[in-house]
Amino acid sequence: PMKVTMLVAFLIALPVVMYQLWAFIAPGLYLHERRLILPLVISSYA
């Protein structure tokens, strides 16, 4: 049950995890790539 709960917690926190990843790599991306990242992150999660 603890493992299952951790899985659910990870899914709930996944937008935060993906945002932290995006914030780390965004400075090294081209502008058009940064515009594409947010829709890709949202669609990937969904």
ModelCIF file with pLDDT and N, C-alpha, C, O atoms, coordinates in Angstrom:
data_MODEL
#
_entry.id   MODEL 
#
_entity.id                         1 
_entity.type                       polymer 
_entity.pdbx_number_of_molecules   1 
#
_entity_poly.entity_id                      1 
_entity_poly.type                           'polypeptide(L)' 
_entity_poly.nstd_linkage                   no 
_entity_poly.nstd_monomer                   no 
_entity_poly.pdbx_seq_one_letter_code       PMKVTMLVAFLIALPVVMYQLWAFIAPGLYLHERRLILPLVISSYA 
_entity_poly.pdbx_seq_one_letter_code_can   PMKVTMLVAFLIALPVVMYQLWAFIAPGLYLHERRLILPLVISSYA 
_entity_poly.pdbx_strand_id                 A 
#
loop_
_entity_poly_seq.entity_id 
_entity_poly_seq.num 
_entity_poly_seq.mon_id 
_entity_poly_seq.hetero 
1 1  PRO n 
1 2  MET n 
1 3  LYS n 
1 4  VAL n 
1 5  THR n 
1 6  MET n 
1 7  LEU n 
1 8  VAL n 
1 9  ALA n 
1 10 PHE n 
1 11 LEU n 
1 12 ILE n 
1 13 ALA n 
1 14 LEU n 
1 15 PRO n 
1 16 VAL n 
1 17 VAL n 
1 18 MET n 
1 19 TYR n 
1 20 GLN n 
1 21 LEU n 
1 22 TRP n 
1 23 ALA n 
1 24 PHE n 
1 25 ILE n 
1 26 ALA n 
1 27 PRO n 
1 28 GLY n 
1 29 LEU n 
1 30 TYR n 
1 31 LEU n 
1 32 HIS n 
1 33 GLU n 
1 34 ARG n 
1 35 ARG n 
1 36 LEU n 
1 37 ILE n 
1 38 LEU n 
1 39 PRO n 
1 40 LEU n 
1 41 VAL n 
1 42 ILE n 
1 43 SER n 
1 44 SER n 
1 45 TYR n 
1 46 ALA n 
#
_struct_asym.id          A 
_struct_asym.entity_id   1 
#
loop_
_ma_qa_metric.id 
_ma_qa_metric.mode 
_ma_qa_metric.name 
_ma_qa_metric.software_group_id 
_ma_qa_metric.type 
1 global pLDDT . pLDDT 
2 local  pLDDT . pLDDT 
#
_ma_qa_metric_global.metric_id      1 
_ma_qa_metric_global.metric_value   83.59 
_ma_qa_metric_global.model_id       1 
_ma_qa_metric_global.ordinal_id     1 
#
loop_
_ma_qa_metric_local.label_asym_id 
_ma_qa_metric_local.label_comp_id 
_ma_qa_metric_local.label_seq_id 
_ma_qa_metric_local.metric_id 
_ma_qa_metric_local.metric_value 
_ma_qa_metric_local.model_id 
_ma_qa_metric_local.ordinal_id 
A PRO 1  2 92.00 1 1  
A MET 2  2 93.00 1 2  
A LYS 3  2 92.00 1 3  
A VAL 4  2 93.00 1 4  
A THR 5  2 94.00 1 5  
A MET 6  2 94.00 1 6  
A LEU 7  2 92.00 1 7  
A VAL 8  2 94.00 1 8  
A ALA 9  2 94.00 1 9  
A PHE 10 2 93.00 1 10 
A LEU 11 2 91.00 1 11 
A ILE 12 2 92.00 1 12 
A ALA 13 2 92.00 1 13 
A LEU 14 2 88.00 1 14 
A PRO 15 2 86.00 1 15 
A VAL 16 2 89.00 1 16 
A VAL 17 2 88.00 1 17 
A MET 18 2 84.00 1 18 
A TYR 19 2 84.00 1 19 
A GLN 20 2 86.00 1 20 
A LEU 21 2 83.00 1 21 
A TRP 22 2 80.00 1 22 
A ALA 23 2 79.00 1 23 
A PHE 24 2 80.00 1 24 
A ILE 25 2 80.00 1 25 
A ALA 26 2 75.00 1 26 
A PRO 27 2 74.00 1 27 
A GLY 28 2 71.00 1 28 
A LEU 29 2 69.00 1 29 
A TYR 30 2 72.00 1 30 
A LEU 31 2 73.00 1 31 
A HIS 32 2 68.00 1 32 
A GLU 33 2 67.00 1 33 
A ARG 34 2 73.00 1 34 
A ARG 35 2 75.00 1 35 
A LEU 36 2 76.00 1 36 
A ILE 37 2 77.00 1 37 
A LEU 38 2 77.00 1 38 
A PRO 39 2 82.00 1 39 
A LEU 40 2 81.00 1 40 
A VAL 41 2 82.00 1 41 
A ILE 42 2 86.00 1 42 
A SER 43 2 87.00 1 43 
A SER 44 2 87.00 1 44 
A TYR 45 2 89.00 1 45 
A ALA 46 2 91.00 1 46 
#
loop_
_atom_site.group_PDB 
_atom_site.id 
_atom_site.type_symbol 
_atom_site.label_atom_id 
_atom_site.label_alt_id 
_atom_site.label_comp_id 
_atom_site.label_asym_id 
_atom_site.label_entity_id 
_atom_site.label_seq_id 
_atom_site.pdbx_PDB_ins_code 
_atom_site.Cartn_x 
_atom_site.Cartn_y 
_atom_site.Cartn_z 
_atom_site.occupancy 
_atom_site.B_iso_or_equiv 
_atom_site.pdbx_formal_charge 
_atom_site.auth_seq_id 
_atom_site.auth_comp_id 
_atom_site.auth_asym_id 
_atom_site.auth_atom_id 
_atom_site.pdbx_PDB_model_num 
ATOM 1   N N  . PRO A 1 1  ? 0.812  -1.226 0.000   1.00 92.00 ? 1  PRO A N  1 
ATOM 2   C CA . PRO A 1 1  ? 0.000  0.000  0.000   1.00 92.00 ? 1  PRO A CA 1 
ATOM 3   C C  . PRO A 1 1  ? 0.840  1.269  0.000   1.00 92.00 ? 1  PRO A C  1 
ATOM 4   O O  . PRO A 1 1  ? 0.447  2.276  -0.588  1.00 92.00 ? 1  PRO A O  1 
ATOM 5   N N  . MET A 1 2  ? 2.014  1.224  0.667   1.00 93.00 ? 2  MET A N  1 
ATOM 6   C CA . MET A 1 2  ? 2.888  2.394  0.666   1.00 93.00 ? 2  MET A CA 1 
ATOM 7   C C  . MET A 1 2  ? 3.409  2.681  -0.752  1.00 93.00 ? 2  MET A C  1 
ATOM 8   O O  . MET A 1 2  ? 3.485  3.835  -1.174  1.00 93.00 ? 2  MET A O  1 
ATOM 9   N N  . LYS A 1 3  ? 3.764  1.619  -1.471  1.00 92.00 ? 3  LYS A N  1 
ATOM 10  C CA . LYS A 1 3  ? 4.262  1.786  -2.841  1.00 92.00 ? 3  LYS A CA 1 
ATOM 11  C C  . LYS A 1 3  ? 3.172  2.353  -3.748  1.00 92.00 ? 3  LYS A C  1 
ATOM 12  O O  . LYS A 1 3  ? 3.435  3.223  -4.578  1.00 92.00 ? 3  LYS A O  1 
ATOM 13  N N  . VAL A 1 4  ? 1.960  1.861  -3.583  1.00 93.00 ? 4  VAL A N  1 
ATOM 14  C CA . VAL A 1 4  ? 0.846  2.361  -4.391  1.00 93.00 ? 4  VAL A CA 1 
ATOM 15  C C  . VAL A 1 4  ? 0.594  3.834  -4.083  1.00 93.00 ? 4  VAL A C  1 
ATOM 16  O O  . VAL A 1 4  ? 0.368  4.636  -4.988  1.00 93.00 ? 4  VAL A O  1 
ATOM 17  N N  . THR A 1 5  ? 0.635  4.179  -2.806  1.00 94.00 ? 5  THR A N  1 
ATOM 18  C CA . THR A 1 5  ? 0.434  5.569  -2.404  1.00 94.00 ? 5  THR A CA 1 
ATOM 19  C C  . THR A 1 5  ? 1.536  6.466  -2.948  1.00 94.00 ? 5  THR A C  1 
ATOM 20  O O  . THR A 1 5  ? 1.276  7.597  -3.359  1.00 94.00 ? 5  THR A O  1 
ATOM 21  N N  . MET A 1 6  ? 2.764  5.964  -2.951  1.00 94.00 ? 6  MET A N  1 
ATOM 22  C CA . MET A 1 6  ? 3.872  6.729  -3.522  1.00 94.00 ? 6  MET A CA 1 
ATOM 23  C C  . MET A 1 6  ? 3.674  6.938  -5.014  1.00 94.00 ? 6  MET A C  1 
ATOM 24  O O  . MET A 1 6  ? 4.003  8.002  -5.538  1.00 94.00 ? 6  MET A O  1 
ATOM 25  N N  . LEU A 1 7  ? 3.141  5.938  -5.703  1.00 92.00 ? 7  LEU A N  1 
ATOM 26  C CA . LEU A 1 7  ? 2.851  6.080  -7.127  1.00 92.00 ? 7  LEU A CA 1 
ATOM 27  C C  . LEU A 1 7  ? 1.827  7.180  -7.365  1.00 92.00 ? 7  LEU A C  1 
ATOM 28  O O  . LEU A 1 7  ? 1.990  8.008  -8.261  1.00 92.00 ? 7  LEU A O  1 
ATOM 29  N N  . VAL A 1 8  ? 0.768  7.186  -6.556  1.00 94.00 ? 8  VAL A N  1 
ATOM 30  C CA . VAL A 1 8  ? -0.264 8.220  -6.688  1.00 94.00 ? 8  VAL A CA 1 
ATOM 31  C C  . VAL A 1 8  ? 0.323  9.594  -6.374  1.00 94.00 ? 8  VAL A C  1 
ATOM 32  O O  . VAL A 1 8  ? 0.015  10.574 -7.053  1.00 94.00 ? 8  VAL A O  1 
ATOM 33  N N  . ALA A 1 9  ? 1.167  9.666  -5.347  1.00 94.00 ? 9  ALA A N  1 
ATOM 34  C CA . ALA A 1 9  ? 1.809  10.938 -4.987  1.00 94.00 ? 9  ALA A CA 1 
ATOM 35  C C  . ALA A 1 9  ? 2.681  11.445 -6.130  1.00 94.00 ? 9  ALA A C  1 
ATOM 36  O O  . ALA A 1 9  ? 2.707  12.640 -6.422  1.00 94.00 ? 9  ALA A O  1 
ATOM 37  N N  . PHE A 1 10 ? 3.397  10.520 -6.773  1.00 93.00 ? 10 PHE A N  1 
ATOM 38  C CA . PHE A 1 10 ? 4.248  10.911 -7.904  1.00 93.00 ? 10 PHE A CA 1 
ATOM 39  C C  . PHE A 1 10 ? 3.407  11.474 -9.046  1.00 93.00 ? 10 PHE A C  1 
ATOM 40  O O  . PHE A 1 10 ? 3.783  12.471 -9.664  1.00 93.00 ? 10 PHE A O  1 
ATOM 41  N N  . LEU A 1 11 ? 2.273  10.840 -9.327  1.00 91.00 ? 11 LEU A N  1 
ATOM 42  C CA . LEU A 1 11 ? 1.415  11.317 -10.410 1.00 91.00 ? 11 LEU A CA 1 
ATOM 43  C C  . LEU A 1 11 ? 0.847  12.693 -10.088 1.00 91.00 ? 11 LEU A C  1 
ATOM 44  O O  . LEU A 1 11 ? 0.730  13.540 -10.973 1.00 91.00 ? 11 LEU A O  1 
ATOM 45  N N  . ILE A 1 12 ? 0.492  12.918 -8.824  1.00 92.00 ? 12 ILE A N  1 
ATOM 46  C CA . ILE A 1 12 ? -0.036 14.219 -8.428  1.00 92.00 ? 12 ILE A CA 1 
ATOM 47  C C  . ILE A 1 12 ? 1.042  15.295 -8.543  1.00 92.00 ? 12 ILE A C  1 
ATOM 48  O O  . ILE A 1 12 ? 0.769  16.408 -8.994  1.00 92.00 ? 12 ILE A O  1 
ATOM 49  N N  . ALA A 1 13 ? 2.265  14.959 -8.136  1.00 92.00 ? 13 ALA A N  1 
ATOM 50  C CA . ALA A 1 13 ? 3.362  15.929 -8.140  1.00 92.00 ? 13 ALA A CA 1 
ATOM 51  C C  . ALA A 1 13 ? 4.066  16.019 -9.489  1.00 92.00 ? 13 ALA A C  1 
ATOM 52  O O  . ALA A 1 13 ? 4.960  16.848 -9.658  1.00 92.00 ? 13 ALA A O  1 
ATOM 53  N N  . LEU A 1 14 ? 3.687  15.191 -10.441 1.00 88.00 ? 14 LEU A N  1 
ATOM 54  C CA . LEU A 1 14 ? 4.394  15.152 -11.722 1.00 88.00 ? 14 LEU A CA 1 
ATOM 55  C C  . LEU A 1 14 ? 4.425  16.503 -12.440 1.00 88.00 ? 14 LEU A C  1 
ATOM 56  O O  . LEU A 1 14 ? 5.451  16.830 -13.037 1.00 88.00 ? 14 LEU A O  1 
ATOM 57  N N  . PRO A 1 15 ? 3.349  17.309 -12.414 1.00 86.00 ? 15 PRO A N  1 
ATOM 58  C CA . PRO A 1 15 ? 3.464  18.637 -13.043 1.00 86.00 ? 15 PRO A CA 1 
ATOM 59  C C  . PRO A 1 15 ? 4.580  19.485 -12.436 1.00 86.00 ? 15 PRO A C  1 
ATOM 60  O O  . PRO A 1 15 ? 5.264  20.217 -13.151 1.00 86.00 ? 15 PRO A O  1 
ATOM 61  N N  . VAL A 1 16 ? 4.764  19.388 -11.122 1.00 89.00 ? 16 VAL A N  1 
ATOM 62  C CA . VAL A 1 16 ? 5.847  20.135 -10.471 1.00 89.00 ? 16 VAL A CA 1 
ATOM 63  C C  . VAL A 1 16 ? 7.198  19.592 -10.917 1.00 89.00 ? 16 VAL A C  1 
ATOM 64  O O  . VAL A 1 16 ? 8.120  20.360 -11.193 1.00 89.00 ? 16 VAL A O  1 
ATOM 65  N N  . VAL A 1 17 ? 7.315  18.271 -10.987 1.00 88.00 ? 17 VAL A N  1 
ATOM 66  C CA . VAL A 1 17 ? 8.563  17.647 -11.429 1.00 88.00 ? 17 VAL A CA 1 
ATOM 67  C C  . VAL A 1 17 ? 8.892  18.073 -12.854 1.00 88.00 ? 17 VAL A C  1 
ATOM 68  O O  . VAL A 1 17 ? 10.039 18.400 -13.161 1.00 88.00 ? 17 VAL A O  1 
ATOM 69  N N  . MET A 1 18 ? 7.881  18.069 -13.726 1.00 84.00 ? 18 MET A N  1 
ATOM 70  C CA . MET A 1 18 ? 8.113  18.442 -15.121 1.00 84.00 ? 18 MET A CA 1 
ATOM 71  C C  . MET A 1 18 ? 8.440  19.925 -15.241 1.00 84.00 ? 18 MET A C  1 
ATOM 72  O O  . MET A 1 18 ? 9.234  20.315 -16.097 1.00 84.00 ? 18 MET A O  1 
ATOM 73  N N  . TYR A 1 19 ? 7.837  20.756 -14.392 1.00 84.00 ? 19 TYR A N  1 
ATOM 74  C CA . TYR A 1 19 ? 8.162  22.188 -14.410 1.00 84.00 ? 19 TYR A CA 1 
ATOM 75  C C  . TYR A 1 19 ? 9.610  22.421 -14.000 1.00 84.00 ? 19 TYR A C  1 
ATOM 76  O O  . TYR A 1 19 ? 10.303 23.234 -14.611 1.00 84.00 ? 19 TYR A O  1 
ATOM 77  N N  . GLN A 1 20 ? 10.075 21.712 -12.966 1.00 86.00 ? 20 GLN A N  1 
ATOM 78  C CA . GLN A 1 20 ? 11.465 21.854 -12.534 1.00 86.00 ? 20 GLN A CA 1 
ATOM 79  C C  . GLN A 1 20 ? 12.424 21.434 -13.639 1.00 86.00 ? 20 GLN A C  1 
ATOM 80  O O  . GLN A 1 20 ? 13.462 22.064 -13.839 1.00 86.00 ? 20 GLN A O  1 
ATOM 81  N N  . LEU A 1 21 ? 12.079 20.379 -14.351 1.00 83.00 ? 21 LEU A N  1 
ATOM 82  C CA . LEU A 1 21 ? 12.904 19.945 -15.475 1.00 83.00 ? 21 LEU A CA 1 
ATOM 83  C C  . LEU A 1 21 ? 12.912 20.999 -16.570 1.00 83.00 ? 21 LEU A C  1 
ATOM 84  O O  . LEU A 1 21 ? 13.961 21.317 -17.130 1.00 83.00 ? 21 LEU A O  1 
ATOM 85  N N  . TRP A 1 22 ? 11.732 21.541 -16.874 1.00 80.00 ? 22 TRP A N  1 
ATOM 86  C CA . TRP A 1 22 ? 11.628 22.575 -17.897 1.00 80.00 ? 22 TRP A CA 1 
ATOM 87  C C  . TRP A 1 22 ? 12.419 23.814 -17.502 1.00 80.00 ? 22 TRP A C  1 
ATOM 88  O O  . TRP A 1 22 ? 13.121 24.387 -18.335 1.00 80.00 ? 22 TRP A O  1 
ATOM 89  N N  . ALA A 1 23 ? 12.316 24.237 -16.242 1.00 79.00 ? 23 ALA A N  1 
ATOM 90  C CA . ALA A 1 23 ? 13.025 25.431 -15.779 1.00 79.00 ? 23 ALA A CA 1 
ATOM 91  C C  . ALA A 1 23 ? 14.538 25.250 -15.862 1.00 79.00 ? 23 ALA A C  1 
ATOM 92  O O  . ALA A 1 23 ? 15.276 26.220 -16.039 1.00 79.00 ? 23 ALA A O  1 
ATOM 93  N N  . PHE A 1 24 ? 14.997 24.005 -15.733 1.00 80.00 ? 24 PHE A N  1 
ATOM 94  C CA . PHE A 1 24 ? 16.438 23.744 -15.784 1.00 80.00 ? 24 PHE A CA 1 
ATOM 95  C C  . PHE A 1 24 ? 16.973 23.803 -17.214 1.00 80.00 ? 24 PHE A C  1 
ATOM 96  O O  . PHE A 1 24 ? 18.065 24.317 -17.453 1.00 80.00 ? 24 PHE A O  1 
ATOM 97  N N  . ILE A 1 25 ? 16.203 23.276 -18.159 1.00 80.00 ? 25 ILE A N  1 
ATOM 98  C CA . ILE A 1 25 ? 16.711 23.200 -19.538 1.00 80.00 ? 25 ILE A CA 1 
ATOM 99  C C  . ILE A 1 25 ? 16.299 24.396 -20.391 1.00 80.00 ? 25 ILE A C  1 
ATOM 100 O O  . ILE A 1 25 ? 16.877 24.616 -21.455 1.00 80.00 ? 25 ILE A O  1 
ATOM 101 N N  . ALA A 1 26 ? 15.301 25.182 -19.941 1.00 75.00 ? 26 ALA A N  1 
ATOM 102 C CA . ALA A 1 26 ? 14.778 26.280 -20.759 1.00 75.00 ? 26 ALA A CA 1 
ATOM 103 C C  . ALA A 1 26 ? 15.832 27.306 -21.173 1.00 75.00 ? 26 ALA A C  1 
ATOM 104 O O  . ALA A 1 26 ? 15.814 27.745 -22.323 1.00 75.00 ? 26 ALA A O  1 
ATOM 105 N N  . PRO A 1 27 ? 16.756 27.711 -20.285 1.00 74.00 ? 27 PRO A N  1 
ATOM 106 C CA . PRO A 1 27 ? 17.739 28.729 -20.703 1.00 74.00 ? 27 PRO A CA 1 
ATOM 107 C C  . PRO A 1 27 ? 18.607 28.311 -21.877 1.00 74.00 ? 27 PRO A C  1 
ATOM 108 O O  . PRO A 1 27 ? 19.132 29.173 -22.583 1.00 74.00 ? 27 PRO A O  1 
ATOM 109 N N  . GLY A 1 28 ? 18.772 27.029 -22.105 1.00 71.00 ? 28 GLY A N  1 
ATOM 110 C CA . GLY A 1 28 ? 19.609 26.558 -23.207 1.00 71.00 ? 28 GLY A CA 1 
ATOM 111 C C  . GLY A 1 28 ? 18.848 26.273 -24.490 1.00 71.00 ? 28 GLY A C  1 
ATOM 112 O O  . GLY A 1 28 ? 19.422 25.765 -25.454 1.00 71.00 ? 28 GLY A O  1 
ATOM 113 N N  . LEU A 1 29 ? 17.546 26.599 -24.512 1.00 69.00 ? 29 LEU A N  1 
ATOM 114 C CA . LEU A 1 29 ? 16.725 26.304 -25.686 1.00 69.00 ? 29 LEU A CA 1 
ATOM 115 C C  . LEU A 1 29 ? 16.544 27.538 -26.554 1.00 69.00 ? 29 LEU A C  1 
ATOM 116 O O  . LEU A 1 29 ? 16.604 28.666 -26.066 1.00 69.00 ? 29 LEU A O  1 
ATOM 117 N N  . TYR A 1 30 ? 16.323 27.315 -27.841 1.00 72.00 ? 30 TYR A N  1 
ATOM 118 C CA . TYR A 1 30 ? 15.928 28.398 -28.721 1.00 72.00 ? 30 TYR A CA 1 
ATOM 119 C C  . TYR A 1 30 ? 14.531 28.872 -28.333 1.00 72.00 ? 30 TYR A C  1 
ATOM 120 O O  . TYR A 1 30 ? 13.770 28.154 -27.684 1.00 72.00 ? 30 TYR A O  1 
ATOM 121 N N  . LEU A 1 31 ? 14.216 30.086 -28.743 1.00 73.00 ? 31 LEU A N  1 
ATOM 122 C CA . LEU A 1 31 ? 12.930 30.663 -28.366 1.00 73.00 ? 31 LEU A CA 1 
ATOM 123 C C  . LEU A 1 31 ? 11.767 29.839 -28.898 1.00 73.00 ? 31 LEU A C  1 
ATOM 124 O O  . LEU A 1 31 ? 10.789 29.614 -28.187 1.00 73.00 ? 31 LEU A O  1 
ATOM 125 N N  . HIS A 1 32 ? 11.868 29.386 -30.151 1.00 68.00 ? 32 HIS A N  1 
ATOM 126 C CA . HIS A 1 32 ? 10.765 28.600 -30.718 1.00 68.00 ? 32 HIS A CA 1 
ATOM 127 C C  . HIS A 1 32 ? 10.650 27.246 -30.024 1.00 68.00 ? 32 HIS A C  1 
ATOM 128 O O  . HIS A 1 32 ? 9.565  26.665 -29.973 1.00 68.00 ? 32 HIS A O  1 
ATOM 129 N N  . GLU A 1 33 ? 11.762 26.740 -29.488 1.00 67.00 ? 33 GLU A N  1 
ATOM 130 C CA . GLU A 1 33 ? 11.719 25.478 -28.750 1.00 67.00 ? 33 GLU A CA 1 
ATOM 131 C C  . GLU A 1 33 ? 11.052 25.680 -27.393 1.00 67.00 ? 33 GLU A C  1 
ATOM 132 O O  . GLU A 1 33 ? 10.317 24.814 -26.920 1.00 67.00 ? 33 GLU A O  1 
ATOM 133 N N  . ARG A 1 34 ? 11.313 26.827 -26.774 1.00 73.00 ? 34 ARG A N  1 
ATOM 134 C CA . ARG A 1 34 ? 10.670 27.117 -25.485 1.00 73.00 ? 34 ARG A CA 1 
ATOM 135 C C  . ARG A 1 34 ? 9.160  27.248 -25.644 1.00 73.00 ? 34 ARG A C  1 
ATOM 136 O O  . ARG A 1 34 ? 8.397  26.852 -24.763 1.00 73.00 ? 34 ARG A O  1 
ATOM 137 N N  . ARG A 1 35 ? 8.736  27.807 -26.772 1.00 75.00 ? 35 ARG A N  1 
ATOM 138 C CA . ARG A 1 35 ? 7.297  27.931 -27.021 1.00 75.00 ? 35 ARG A CA 1 
ATOM 139 C C  . ARG A 1 35 ? 6.649  26.567 -27.207 1.00 75.00 ? 35 ARG A C  1 
ATOM 140 O O  . ARG A 1 35 ? 5.464  26.391 -26.923 1.00 75.00 ? 35 ARG A O  1 
ATOM 141 N N  . LEU A 1 36 ? 7.421  25.613 -27.679 1.00 76.00 ? 36 LEU A N  1 
ATOM 142 C CA . LEU A 1 36 ? 6.889  24.275 -27.928 1.00 76.00 ? 36 LEU A CA 1 
ATOM 143 C C  . LEU A 1 36 ? 6.891  23.404 -26.679 1.00 76.00 ? 36 LEU A C  1 
ATOM 144 O O  . LEU A 1 36 ? 6.088  22.478 -26.565 1.00 76.00 ? 36 LEU A O  1 
ATOM 145 N N  . ILE A 1 37 ? 7.796  23.698 -25.736 1.00 77.00 ? 37 ILE A N  1 
ATOM 146 C CA . ILE A 1 37 ? 7.968  22.840 -24.562 1.00 77.00 ? 37 ILE A CA 1 
ATOM 147 C C  . ILE A 1 37 ? 6.706  22.776 -23.709 1.00 77.00 ? 37 ILE A C  1 
ATOM 148 O O  . ILE A 1 37 ? 6.284  21.687 -23.319 1.00 77.00 ? 37 ILE A O  1 
ATOM 149 N N  . LEU A 1 38 ? 6.097  23.918 -23.414 1.00 77.00 ? 38 LEU A N  1 
ATOM 150 C CA . LEU A 1 38 ? 4.928  23.930 -22.524 1.00 77.00 ? 38 LEU A CA 1 
ATOM 151 C C  . LEU A 1 38 ? 3.775  23.098 -23.064 1.00 77.00 ? 38 LEU A C  1 
ATOM 152 O O  . LEU A 1 38 ? 3.231  22.282 -22.321 1.00 77.00 ? 38 LEU A O  1 
ATOM 153 N N  . PRO A 1 39 ? 3.371  23.267 -24.338 1.00 82.00 ? 39 PRO A N  1 
ATOM 154 C CA . PRO A 1 39 ? 2.315  22.388 -24.862 1.00 82.00 ? 39 PRO A CA 1 
ATOM 155 C C  . PRO A 1 39 ? 2.706  20.914 -24.830 1.00 82.00 ? 39 PRO A C  1 
ATOM 156 O O  . PRO A 1 39 ? 1.860  20.055 -24.580 1.00 82.00 ? 39 PRO A O  1 
ATOM 157 N N  . LEU A 1 40 ? 3.981  20.616 -25.079 1.00 81.00 ? 40 LEU A N  1 
ATOM 158 C CA . LEU A 1 40 ? 4.425  19.222 -25.054 1.00 81.00 ? 40 LEU A CA 1 
ATOM 159 C C  . LEU A 1 40 ? 4.364  18.642 -23.652 1.00 81.00 ? 40 LEU A C  1 
ATOM 160 O O  . LEU A 1 40 ? 3.963  17.493 -23.467 1.00 81.00 ? 40 LEU A O  1 
ATOM 161 N N  . VAL A 1 41 ? 4.764  19.442 -22.658 1.00 82.00 ? 41 VAL A N  1 
ATOM 162 C CA . VAL A 1 41 ? 4.731  18.972 -21.272 1.00 82.00 ? 41 VAL A CA 1 
ATOM 163 C C  . VAL A 1 41 ? 3.294  18.694 -20.843 1.00 82.00 ? 41 VAL A C  1 
ATOM 164 O O  . VAL A 1 41 ? 3.004  17.657 -20.247 1.00 82.00 ? 41 VAL A O  1 
ATOM 165 N N  . ILE A 1 42 ? 2.397  19.631 -21.151 1.00 86.00 ? 42 ILE A N  1 
ATOM 166 C CA . ILE A 1 42 ? 0.997  19.475 -20.756 1.00 86.00 ? 42 ILE A CA 1 
ATOM 167 C C  . ILE A 1 42 ? 0.363  18.272 -21.463 1.00 86.00 ? 42 ILE A C  1 
ATOM 168 O O  . ILE A 1 42 ? -0.328 17.467 -20.839 1.00 86.00 ? 42 ILE A O  1 
ATOM 169 N N  . SER A 1 43 ? 0.605  18.164 -22.765 1.00 87.00 ? 43 SER A N  1 
ATOM 170 C CA . SER A 1 43 ? 0.013  17.049 -23.515 1.00 87.00 ? 43 SER A CA 1 
ATOM 171 C C  . SER A 1 43 ? 0.616  15.711 -23.089 1.00 87.00 ? 43 SER A C  1 
ATOM 172 O O  . SER A 1 43 ? -0.090 14.704 -23.040 1.00 87.00 ? 43 SER A O  1 
ATOM 173 N N  . SER A 1 44 ? 1.920  15.692 -22.779 1.00 87.00 ? 44 SER A N  1 
ATOM 174 C CA . SER A 1 44 ? 2.558  14.448 -22.332 1.00 87.00 ? 44 SER A CA 1 
ATOM 175 C C  . SER A 1 44 ? 1.952  13.975 -21.017 1.00 87.00 ? 44 SER A C  1 
ATOM 176 O O  . SER A 1 44 ? 1.653  12.792 -20.851 1.00 87.00 ? 44 SER A O  1 
ATOM 177 N N  . TYR A 1 45 ? 1.774  14.902 -20.091 1.00 89.00 ? 45 TYR A N  1 
ATOM 178 C CA . TYR A 1 45 ? 1.192  14.549 -18.792 1.00 89.00 ? 45 TYR A CA 1 
ATOM 179 C C  . TYR A 1 45 ? -0.247 14.054 -18.972 1.00 89.00 ? 45 TYR A C  1 
ATOM 180 O O  . TYR A 1 45 ? -0.641 13.031 -18.411 1.00 89.00 ? 45 TYR A O  1 
ATOM 181 N N  . ALA A 1 46 ? -1.022 14.801 -19.768 1.00 91.00 ? 46 ALA A N  1 
ATOM 182 C CA . ALA A 1 46 ? -2.425 14.432 -19.967 1.00 91.00 ? 46 ALA A CA 1 
ATOM 183 C C  . ALA A 1 46 ? -2.537 13.062 -20.644 1.00 91.00 ? 46 ALA A C  1 
ATOM 184 O O  . ALA A 1 46 ? -3.644 12.585 -20.893 1.00 91.00 ? 46 ALA A O  1 
#
